[in-house]
Amino acid sequence: MNIPSLGGARYFLLFIDDHTRYTTVFTIHQKSDTFSKFKEYKALVENYHNMKIKALRSDNGGEYTSDSFSTYLRNSGISHEKTAPYSPE
């Protein structure tokens, strides 16, 4: 975001459930906070709905493709679907 939020966050994460279209937004100060916010989102969803996340669809941003993030997804049984570079879809 060009203008920081009241809390000083300059980035946001948007998670959308493909089935219900339920949307969750997290504001973050650095892109490196993405991994910890995903783990928070995963716990929230799995406790609330009593279901597991099966797939994560994201762009090829470095915050989603780090070794620790990839290992966590693999160990959790979550497939990671990456969009094609430079595509708005």
Protein backbone atom coordinates (compact mmCIF):
# COMPACT_ATOMS: atom_id res chain seq x y z
CA MET A 1 0.00 0.00 0.00
CA ASN A 2 1.32 3.46 -0.78
CA ILE A 3 0.06 4.87 2.51
CA PRO A 4 0.69 2.81 5.66
CA SER A 5 -2.25 1.70 7.80
CA LEU A 6 -2.87 3.25 11.22
CA GLY A 7 -0.75 0.46 12.70
CA GLY A 8 2.08 1.13 10.23
CA ALA A 9 1.48 -1.91 7.97
CA ARG A 10 2.42 -1.44 4.33
CA TYR A 11 1.30 -4.84 2.99
CA PHE A 12 -1.74 -7.04 3.28
CA LEU A 13 -2.52 -10.72 2.76
CA LEU A 14 -5.84 -11.79 1.34
CA PHE A 15 -7.02 -15.38 1.78
CA ILE A 16 -10.17 -16.47 -0.08
CA ASP A 17 -11.81 -19.86 0.46
CA ASP A 18 -12.69 -21.17 -3.02
CA HIS A 19 -15.72 -23.10 -1.75
CA THR A 20 -17.44 -20.49 0.44
CA ARG A 21 -15.73 -17.32 -0.91
CA TYR A 22 -15.11 -16.38 2.75
CA THR A 23 -12.36 -13.77 2.77
CA THR A 24 -9.79 -13.05 5.47
CA VAL A 25 -7.40 -10.09 5.37
CA PHE A 26 -4.22 -9.69 7.42
CA THR A 27 -2.14 -6.52 7.44
CA ILE A 28 1.61 -7.07 7.70
CA HIS A 29 4.63 -4.81 8.13
CA GLN A 30 7.03 -6.89 6.00
CA LYS A 31 6.55 -9.50 3.31
CA SER A 32 8.56 -11.91 5.47
CA ASP A 33 5.56 -12.01 7.87
CA THR A 34 3.59 -13.99 5.27
CA PHE A 35 4.63 -17.42 6.54
CA SER A 36 3.62 -16.75 10.15
CA LYS A 37 0.28 -15.25 9.05
CA PHE A 38 -0.43 -18.27 6.86
CA LYS A 39 0.15 -20.56 9.85
CA GLU A 40 -2.22 -18.37 11.87
CA TYR A 41 -4.82 -18.53 9.09
CA LYS A 42 -4.43 -22.31 8.79
CA ALA A 43 -5.04 -22.79 12.52
CA LEU A 44 -8.06 -20.47 12.38
CA VAL A 45 -9.66 -22.27 9.43
CA GLU A 46 -8.97 -25.79 10.65
CA ASN A 47 -10.27 -25.09 14.16
CA TYR A 48 -13.34 -23.18 13.02
CA HIS A 49 -14.45 -25.49 10.18
CA ASN A 50 -12.91 -28.72 11.46
CA MET A 51 -11.51 -29.32 7.96
CA LYS A 52 -8.03 -29.31 6.49
CA ILE A 53 -6.67 -26.91 3.87
CA LYS A 54 -5.98 -28.96 0.76
CA ALA A 55 -4.39 -26.40 -1.56
CA LEU A 56 -2.88 -22.93 -1.56
CA ARG A 57 -2.97 -20.92 -4.78
CA SER A 58 -0.54 -18.00 -4.95
CA ASP A 59 1.71 -16.08 -7.28
CA ASN A 60 5.40 -16.93 -7.55
CA GLY A 61 6.40 -14.30 -4.99
CA GLY A 62 9.43 -15.09 -2.87
CA GLU A 63 7.35 -14.89 0.29
CA TYR A 64 5.41 -17.99 -0.89
CA THR A 65 8.28 -19.96 -2.43
CA SER A 66 10.84 -19.99 0.39
CA ASP A 67 12.28 -23.33 1.45
CA SER A 68 10.67 -23.16 4.89
CA PHE A 69 7.23 -22.33 3.45
CA SER A 70 7.48 -25.11 0.85
CA THR A 71 8.60 -27.64 3.46
CA TYR A 72 5.76 -26.63 5.79
CA LEU A 73 3.18 -27.03 3.01
CA ARG A 74 4.60 -30.39 1.99
CA ASN A 75 4.63 -31.67 5.60
CA SER A 76 1.05 -30.43 6.11
CA GLY A 77 -0.16 -32.20 2.95
CA ILE A 78 -1.10 -28.93 1.25
CA SER A 79 -0.50 -28.71 -2.49
CA HIS A 80 0.90 -25.39 -3.67
CA GLU A 81 -0.55 -24.16 -6.96
CA LYS A 82 1.40 -21.25 -8.43
CA THR A 83 -0.04 -18.96 -11.07
CA ALA A 84 1.75 -18.26 -14.32
CA PRO A 85 4.15 -15.30 -14.12
CA TYR A 86 2.79 -11.93 -15.29
CA SER A 87 -0.81 -13.15 -15.55
CA PRO A 88 -3.59 -11.18 -13.84
CA GLU A 89 -5.61 -14.33 -13.21
